[in-house]
N, C-alpha and C. Protein backbone atom coordinates (compact mmCIF):
# COMPACT_ATOMS: atom_id res chain seq x y z
N MET A 1 -93.08 51.46 51.02
CA MET A 1 -92.82 51.58 49.60
C MET A 1 -93.04 50.23 48.92
N ASP A 2 -93.73 50.25 47.82
CA ASP A 2 -94.02 49.03 47.09
C ASP A 2 -92.79 48.56 46.33
N GLY A 3 -92.74 47.25 46.08
CA GLY A 3 -91.81 46.74 45.09
C GLY A 3 -90.39 46.47 45.53
N ILE A 4 -89.85 47.20 46.48
CA ILE A 4 -88.46 47.01 46.89
C ILE A 4 -88.45 46.22 48.19
N ASP A 5 -87.63 45.19 48.25
CA ASP A 5 -87.50 44.36 49.44
C ASP A 5 -87.06 45.21 50.62
N SER A 6 -87.57 44.89 51.81
CA SER A 6 -87.21 45.67 53.00
C SER A 6 -85.77 45.44 53.41
N GLU A 7 -85.14 44.39 52.89
CA GLU A 7 -83.73 44.15 53.16
C GLU A 7 -82.93 45.06 52.24
N ASN A 8 -82.58 46.23 52.74
CA ASN A 8 -81.94 47.21 51.87
C ASN A 8 -80.67 47.75 52.50
N ARG A 9 -80.17 48.79 51.94
CA ARG A 9 -78.90 49.36 52.38
C ARG A 9 -79.13 50.50 53.36
N SER A 10 -79.85 50.26 54.44
CA SER A 10 -80.09 51.34 55.40
C SER A 10 -78.76 51.84 55.94
N GLY A 11 -78.68 53.12 56.18
CA GLY A 11 -77.44 53.71 56.67
C GLY A 11 -76.33 53.65 55.65
N VAL A 12 -76.65 53.89 54.40
CA VAL A 12 -75.67 53.82 53.32
C VAL A 12 -74.55 54.82 53.56
N SER A 13 -73.34 54.33 53.58
CA SER A 13 -72.20 55.23 53.74
C SER A 13 -71.77 55.73 52.37
N ASP A 14 -70.97 56.78 52.37
CA ASP A 14 -70.46 57.30 51.10
C ASP A 14 -69.63 56.25 50.38
N LEU A 15 -68.90 55.42 51.13
CA LEU A 15 -68.07 54.40 50.51
C LEU A 15 -68.95 53.38 49.80
N GLU A 16 -70.04 52.93 50.45
CA GLU A 16 -70.93 51.97 49.83
C GLU A 16 -71.62 52.55 48.60
N TYR A 17 -71.96 53.83 48.65
CA TYR A 17 -72.61 54.48 47.52
C TYR A 17 -71.66 54.57 46.34
N GLY A 18 -70.39 54.63 46.63
CA GLY A 18 -69.40 54.75 45.59
C GLY A 18 -68.87 56.16 45.51
N GLU A 19 -67.65 56.28 45.10
CA GLU A 19 -67.07 57.60 44.95
C GLU A 19 -67.70 58.29 43.75
N PHE A 20 -67.95 59.56 43.88
CA PHE A 20 -68.53 60.35 42.80
C PHE A 20 -67.73 61.64 42.74
N PRO A 21 -66.64 61.64 41.96
CA PRO A 21 -65.74 62.79 41.94
C PRO A 21 -66.42 64.12 41.62
N LEU A 22 -67.43 64.12 40.76
CA LEU A 22 -68.10 65.38 40.42
C LEU A 22 -68.79 65.97 41.64
N ALA A 23 -69.47 65.14 42.42
CA ALA A 23 -70.15 65.62 43.63
C ALA A 23 -69.14 66.19 44.62
N GLU A 24 -68.02 65.52 44.75
CA GLU A 24 -66.97 66.02 45.64
C GLU A 24 -66.39 67.33 45.11
N TYR A 25 -66.14 67.38 43.81
CA TYR A 25 -65.58 68.58 43.19
C TYR A 25 -66.51 69.79 43.36
N LEU A 26 -67.81 69.56 43.19
CA LEU A 26 -68.78 70.66 43.31
C LEU A 26 -69.07 71.02 44.76
N GLY A 27 -68.70 70.14 45.70
CA GLY A 27 -68.88 70.45 47.12
C GLY A 27 -70.20 70.00 47.72
N PHE A 28 -70.81 68.96 47.17
CA PHE A 28 -72.09 68.47 47.69
C PHE A 28 -71.87 67.73 49.01
N ASP A 29 -72.75 67.95 49.97
CA ASP A 29 -72.77 67.22 51.23
C ASP A 29 -74.07 66.44 51.27
N LEU A 30 -73.99 65.11 51.13
CA LEU A 30 -75.18 64.25 51.04
C LEU A 30 -75.35 63.46 52.33
N GLU A 31 -76.59 63.39 52.81
CA GLU A 31 -76.87 62.63 54.03
C GLU A 31 -78.16 61.84 53.85
N VAL A 32 -78.07 60.51 54.08
CA VAL A 32 -79.26 59.66 54.07
C VAL A 32 -79.94 59.83 55.41
N LEU A 33 -81.20 60.29 55.40
CA LEU A 33 -81.95 60.49 56.63
C LEU A 33 -82.67 59.22 57.05
N SER A 34 -83.23 58.51 56.10
CA SER A 34 -83.91 57.24 56.32
C SER A 34 -84.06 56.58 54.96
N HIS A 35 -84.73 55.43 54.92
CA HIS A 35 -84.92 54.73 53.65
C HIS A 35 -85.60 55.65 52.64
N GLY A 36 -84.91 55.97 51.57
CA GLY A 36 -85.49 56.78 50.51
C GLY A 36 -85.57 58.26 50.78
N GLU A 37 -84.93 58.74 51.84
CA GLU A 37 -84.94 60.16 52.19
C GLU A 37 -83.50 60.67 52.27
N VAL A 38 -83.19 61.68 51.49
CA VAL A 38 -81.83 62.24 51.46
C VAL A 38 -81.91 63.76 51.51
N THR A 39 -80.96 64.35 52.21
CA THR A 39 -80.76 65.79 52.18
C THR A 39 -79.40 66.06 51.55
N ALA A 40 -79.36 67.01 50.65
CA ALA A 40 -78.11 67.40 49.99
C ALA A 40 -77.93 68.90 50.16
N VAL A 41 -76.74 69.30 50.59
CA VAL A 41 -76.47 70.71 50.85
C VAL A 41 -75.28 71.15 50.01
N LEU A 42 -75.38 72.37 49.49
CA LEU A 42 -74.28 72.98 48.75
C LEU A 42 -74.04 74.37 49.30
N ASP A 43 -72.83 74.62 49.75
CA ASP A 43 -72.40 75.96 50.16
C ASP A 43 -71.97 76.68 48.88
N ILE A 44 -72.74 77.67 48.48
CA ILE A 44 -72.53 78.33 47.19
C ILE A 44 -71.22 79.12 47.17
N LYS A 45 -70.47 78.89 46.10
CA LYS A 45 -69.22 79.61 45.87
C LYS A 45 -69.32 80.28 44.49
N GLU A 46 -68.40 81.17 44.22
CA GLU A 46 -68.42 81.89 42.95
C GLU A 46 -68.35 80.95 41.75
N CYS A 47 -67.64 79.83 41.90
CA CYS A 47 -67.51 78.89 40.78
C CYS A 47 -68.84 78.23 40.41
N HIS A 48 -69.86 78.32 41.26
CA HIS A 48 -71.17 77.76 40.97
C HIS A 48 -72.06 78.72 40.18
N HIS A 49 -71.58 79.97 40.01
CA HIS A 49 -72.38 81.00 39.34
C HIS A 49 -72.28 80.89 37.82
N ASN A 50 -73.35 81.32 37.16
CA ASN A 50 -73.30 81.49 35.71
C ASN A 50 -72.84 82.94 35.43
N PRO A 51 -72.71 83.35 34.17
CA PRO A 51 -72.25 84.71 33.88
C PRO A 51 -73.15 85.82 34.42
N ASN A 52 -74.40 85.49 34.77
CA ASN A 52 -75.32 86.49 35.33
C ASN A 52 -75.17 86.65 36.84
N GLY A 53 -74.27 85.88 37.45
CA GLY A 53 -74.04 86.00 38.89
C GLY A 53 -74.98 85.21 39.77
N VAL A 54 -75.75 84.29 39.19
CA VAL A 54 -76.62 83.42 39.99
C VAL A 54 -76.15 81.97 39.83
N VAL A 55 -76.56 81.12 40.76
CA VAL A 55 -76.16 79.72 40.67
C VAL A 55 -76.70 79.12 39.37
N ALA A 56 -75.82 78.48 38.62
CA ALA A 56 -76.19 77.88 37.34
C ALA A 56 -77.22 76.78 37.55
N GLY A 57 -78.22 76.73 36.68
CA GLY A 57 -79.24 75.70 36.77
C GLY A 57 -78.65 74.30 36.72
N GLY A 58 -77.59 74.12 35.96
CA GLY A 58 -76.95 72.81 35.86
C GLY A 58 -76.36 72.34 37.18
N VAL A 59 -75.90 73.28 38.00
CA VAL A 59 -75.37 72.92 39.32
C VAL A 59 -76.50 72.42 40.20
N ILE A 60 -77.63 73.13 40.19
CA ILE A 60 -78.79 72.72 40.99
C ILE A 60 -79.31 71.37 40.48
N PHE A 61 -79.39 71.22 39.17
CA PHE A 61 -79.85 69.96 38.59
C PHE A 61 -78.94 68.80 39.00
N THR A 62 -77.64 69.02 38.95
CA THR A 62 -76.70 67.97 39.32
C THR A 62 -76.82 67.61 40.79
N LEU A 63 -77.05 68.59 41.64
CA LEU A 63 -77.29 68.33 43.07
C LEU A 63 -78.52 67.42 43.23
N ILE A 64 -79.59 67.75 42.51
CA ILE A 64 -80.83 66.96 42.58
C ILE A 64 -80.59 65.54 42.07
N ASP A 65 -79.99 65.39 40.90
CA ASP A 65 -79.74 64.08 40.30
C ASP A 65 -78.89 63.21 41.21
N THR A 66 -77.84 63.78 41.77
CA THR A 66 -76.94 63.04 42.65
C THR A 66 -77.66 62.58 43.91
N ALA A 67 -78.43 63.48 44.52
CA ALA A 67 -79.14 63.15 45.75
C ALA A 67 -80.26 62.14 45.49
N MET A 68 -80.94 62.27 44.35
CA MET A 68 -81.97 61.28 44.00
C MET A 68 -81.34 59.90 43.84
N GLY A 69 -80.20 59.83 43.19
CA GLY A 69 -79.51 58.55 43.03
C GLY A 69 -79.18 57.93 44.37
N LYS A 70 -78.72 58.75 45.30
CA LYS A 70 -78.39 58.22 46.63
C LYS A 70 -79.65 57.76 47.37
N ALA A 71 -80.76 58.48 47.19
CA ALA A 71 -82.02 58.08 47.83
C ALA A 71 -82.49 56.73 47.30
N VAL A 72 -82.41 56.54 45.99
CA VAL A 72 -82.80 55.25 45.41
C VAL A 72 -81.85 54.17 45.90
N PHE A 73 -80.56 54.44 45.86
CA PHE A 73 -79.57 53.46 46.28
C PHE A 73 -79.83 52.99 47.71
N SER A 74 -80.34 53.87 48.56
CA SER A 74 -80.56 53.52 49.97
C SER A 74 -81.67 52.49 50.17
N ILE A 75 -82.51 52.27 49.15
CA ILE A 75 -83.60 51.30 49.29
C ILE A 75 -83.39 50.04 48.45
N LEU A 76 -82.30 49.98 47.71
CA LEU A 76 -82.06 48.83 46.84
C LEU A 76 -81.43 47.67 47.59
N LYS A 77 -81.56 46.48 46.99
CA LYS A 77 -80.89 45.30 47.52
C LYS A 77 -79.41 45.35 47.12
N GLU A 78 -78.63 44.51 47.75
CA GLU A 78 -77.17 44.50 47.52
C GLU A 78 -76.80 44.26 46.06
N ASN A 79 -77.60 43.50 45.33
CA ASN A 79 -77.25 43.16 43.95
C ASN A 79 -77.89 44.11 42.93
N GLN A 80 -78.25 45.32 43.36
CA GLN A 80 -78.89 46.26 42.46
C GLN A 80 -78.17 47.60 42.45
N TYR A 81 -78.34 48.32 41.37
CA TYR A 81 -77.92 49.71 41.29
C TYR A 81 -78.98 50.47 40.52
N CYS A 82 -78.78 51.76 40.33
CA CYS A 82 -79.83 52.56 39.68
C CYS A 82 -79.22 53.51 38.66
N ALA A 83 -80.09 54.01 37.79
CA ALA A 83 -79.68 54.99 36.78
C ALA A 83 -80.86 55.93 36.52
N SER A 84 -80.55 57.19 36.31
CA SER A 84 -81.59 58.18 36.00
C SER A 84 -82.26 57.82 34.67
N ILE A 85 -83.58 57.90 34.65
CA ILE A 85 -84.33 57.77 33.40
C ILE A 85 -84.75 59.15 32.93
N GLU A 86 -85.38 59.91 33.84
CA GLU A 86 -85.89 61.24 33.48
C GLU A 86 -85.99 62.07 34.75
N ILE A 87 -85.62 63.33 34.63
CA ILE A 87 -85.78 64.28 35.73
C ILE A 87 -86.32 65.58 35.14
N SER A 88 -87.39 66.07 35.74
CA SER A 88 -87.99 67.34 35.32
C SER A 88 -87.83 68.34 36.47
N THR A 89 -87.23 69.48 36.17
CA THR A 89 -86.96 70.47 37.20
C THR A 89 -87.56 71.81 36.80
N ARG A 90 -88.24 72.43 37.75
CA ARG A 90 -88.76 73.79 37.56
C ARG A 90 -87.97 74.71 38.47
N PHE A 91 -87.31 75.67 37.87
CA PHE A 91 -86.55 76.66 38.63
C PHE A 91 -87.49 77.82 38.96
N LEU A 92 -87.66 78.11 40.24
CA LEU A 92 -88.66 79.08 40.68
C LEU A 92 -88.10 80.46 40.98
N ARG A 93 -86.86 80.51 41.43
CA ARG A 93 -86.24 81.81 41.71
C ARG A 93 -84.72 81.64 41.70
N PRO A 94 -84.01 82.70 41.39
CA PRO A 94 -82.55 82.63 41.39
C PRO A 94 -82.01 82.66 42.81
N VAL A 95 -80.84 82.11 42.96
CA VAL A 95 -80.14 82.17 44.24
C VAL A 95 -78.69 82.56 43.95
N THR A 96 -78.13 83.42 44.79
CA THR A 96 -76.79 83.96 44.52
C THR A 96 -75.75 83.58 45.56
N HIS A 97 -76.17 83.37 46.80
CA HIS A 97 -75.18 83.12 47.86
C HIS A 97 -75.83 82.31 48.99
N GLY A 98 -75.01 81.93 49.94
CA GLY A 98 -75.49 81.13 51.07
C GLY A 98 -75.44 79.65 50.76
N GLU A 99 -76.44 78.94 51.22
CA GLU A 99 -76.55 77.50 50.99
C GLU A 99 -77.83 77.20 50.24
N ILE A 100 -77.78 76.11 49.48
CA ILE A 100 -79.01 75.53 48.96
C ILE A 100 -79.11 74.12 49.52
N THR A 101 -80.33 73.73 49.85
CA THR A 101 -80.58 72.42 50.42
C THR A 101 -81.66 71.72 49.61
N ALA A 102 -81.33 70.52 49.14
CA ALA A 102 -82.30 69.71 48.40
C ALA A 102 -82.81 68.61 49.32
N GLN A 103 -84.12 68.51 49.44
CA GLN A 103 -84.75 67.45 50.22
C GLN A 103 -85.38 66.48 49.23
N ILE A 104 -84.91 65.24 49.28
CA ILE A 104 -85.32 64.22 48.32
C ILE A 104 -86.15 63.16 49.03
N SER A 105 -87.24 62.76 48.39
CA SER A 105 -88.10 61.71 48.93
C SER A 105 -88.51 60.75 47.82
N VAL A 106 -88.43 59.46 48.13
CA VAL A 106 -88.98 58.45 47.22
C VAL A 106 -90.49 58.47 47.37
N LEU A 107 -91.20 58.64 46.27
CA LEU A 107 -92.66 58.63 46.27
C LEU A 107 -93.23 57.24 46.07
N LYS A 108 -92.62 56.49 45.14
CA LYS A 108 -93.06 55.13 44.85
C LYS A 108 -91.87 54.33 44.36
N ALA A 109 -91.74 53.14 44.92
CA ALA A 109 -90.65 52.25 44.53
C ALA A 109 -91.24 50.97 43.97
N GLY A 110 -91.18 50.82 42.66
CA GLY A 110 -91.60 49.58 42.01
C GLY A 110 -90.42 48.64 41.87
N LYS A 111 -90.64 47.50 41.24
CA LYS A 111 -89.55 46.53 41.07
C LYS A 111 -88.49 47.03 40.09
N ARG A 112 -88.90 47.82 39.12
CA ARG A 112 -87.96 48.27 38.07
C ARG A 112 -87.82 49.78 37.96
N VAL A 113 -88.77 50.54 38.52
CA VAL A 113 -88.73 52.00 38.41
C VAL A 113 -89.06 52.63 39.76
N VAL A 114 -88.30 53.66 40.11
CA VAL A 114 -88.52 54.41 41.35
C VAL A 114 -88.83 55.85 40.97
N THR A 115 -89.87 56.42 41.59
CA THR A 115 -90.27 57.81 41.36
C THR A 115 -89.96 58.63 42.61
N LEU A 116 -89.36 59.80 42.39
CA LEU A 116 -88.94 60.65 43.50
C LEU A 116 -89.39 62.09 43.29
N GLU A 117 -89.30 62.86 44.37
CA GLU A 117 -89.50 64.31 44.26
C GLU A 117 -88.37 65.01 45.01
N ALA A 118 -88.11 66.25 44.61
CA ALA A 118 -87.11 67.08 45.27
C ALA A 118 -87.67 68.47 45.47
N ARG A 119 -87.32 69.06 46.59
CA ARG A 119 -87.64 70.46 46.87
C ARG A 119 -86.32 71.11 47.28
N VAL A 120 -85.95 72.15 46.57
CA VAL A 120 -84.67 72.82 46.83
C VAL A 120 -84.96 74.20 47.42
N HIS A 121 -84.38 74.44 48.58
CA HIS A 121 -84.54 75.72 49.27
C HIS A 121 -83.21 76.45 49.32
N GLY A 122 -83.26 77.77 49.25
CA GLY A 122 -82.07 78.60 49.40
C GLY A 122 -82.30 79.60 50.50
N GLY A 123 -81.31 79.81 51.33
CA GLY A 123 -81.47 80.76 52.44
C GLY A 123 -82.34 80.18 53.53
N SER A 124 -83.56 80.65 53.65
CA SER A 124 -84.47 80.15 54.69
C SER A 124 -85.42 79.12 54.09
N GLU A 125 -86.12 78.41 54.95
CA GLU A 125 -87.07 77.39 54.50
C GLU A 125 -88.13 77.96 53.56
N SER A 126 -88.42 79.25 53.68
CA SER A 126 -89.49 79.84 52.86
C SER A 126 -89.05 80.14 51.43
N GLU A 127 -87.77 80.09 51.15
CA GLU A 127 -87.27 80.42 49.82
C GLU A 127 -87.14 79.16 48.97
N LEU A 128 -88.23 78.79 48.33
CA LEU A 128 -88.22 77.62 47.46
C LEU A 128 -87.57 78.01 46.14
N VAL A 129 -86.48 77.35 45.80
CA VAL A 129 -85.67 77.68 44.62
C VAL A 129 -86.07 76.82 43.42
N ALA A 130 -86.34 75.54 43.66
CA ALA A 130 -86.67 74.62 42.56
C ALA A 130 -87.46 73.44 43.10
N VAL A 131 -88.27 72.86 42.22
CA VAL A 131 -88.97 71.61 42.52
C VAL A 131 -88.69 70.65 41.36
N SER A 132 -88.67 69.37 41.69
CA SER A 132 -88.28 68.41 40.68
C SER A 132 -88.96 67.07 40.94
N THR A 133 -89.23 66.34 39.86
CA THR A 133 -89.65 64.95 39.95
C THR A 133 -88.70 64.14 39.08
N GLY A 134 -88.48 62.91 39.48
CA GLY A 134 -87.57 62.08 38.71
C GLY A 134 -87.98 60.62 38.74
N THR A 135 -87.54 59.89 37.72
CA THR A 135 -87.71 58.45 37.69
C THR A 135 -86.35 57.82 37.46
N PHE A 136 -86.10 56.75 38.18
CA PHE A 136 -84.84 56.02 38.10
C PHE A 136 -85.12 54.56 37.81
N ALA A 137 -84.26 53.95 37.01
CA ALA A 137 -84.35 52.52 36.72
C ALA A 137 -83.64 51.75 37.82
N VAL A 138 -84.21 50.61 38.19
CA VAL A 138 -83.57 49.67 39.11
C VAL A 138 -82.97 48.58 38.24
N ILE A 139 -81.66 48.36 38.39
CA ILE A 139 -80.94 47.43 37.52
C ILE A 139 -80.28 46.36 38.38
N ASP A 140 -80.53 45.09 38.04
CA ASP A 140 -79.89 43.98 38.73
C ASP A 140 -78.50 43.75 38.14
N THR A 141 -77.54 43.43 39.02
CA THR A 141 -76.18 43.15 38.54
C THR A 141 -76.03 41.70 38.20
């Protein structure tokens, strides 16, 4: 990845990432797989549904945003943090039950902006629920 020093936060723990009460409240399970790669899983409950009985788009979006933030954080230096600039999500099919899994990958890491992609699956690997691209700002403390 361009732009980001190789001296980063590999193996970022939840404590180092910081507490995020909303992610805990919604039931997100986030795991850093490697530098810039994160998997986020949500076990769908009734509280995640909209009035139509499907998982609310905002829940899926929040899962993506949270996991993207953790992916960026995993490649930053100790004196940096990140913030979402823009995220574009296309919802491809509804999901009602089971688990959804977001796979996040950093596509390009510049000195000030990081670009990522997300693929969200529900049920089996073949059920693509949403795709997303995002850009995050890199901010020095």
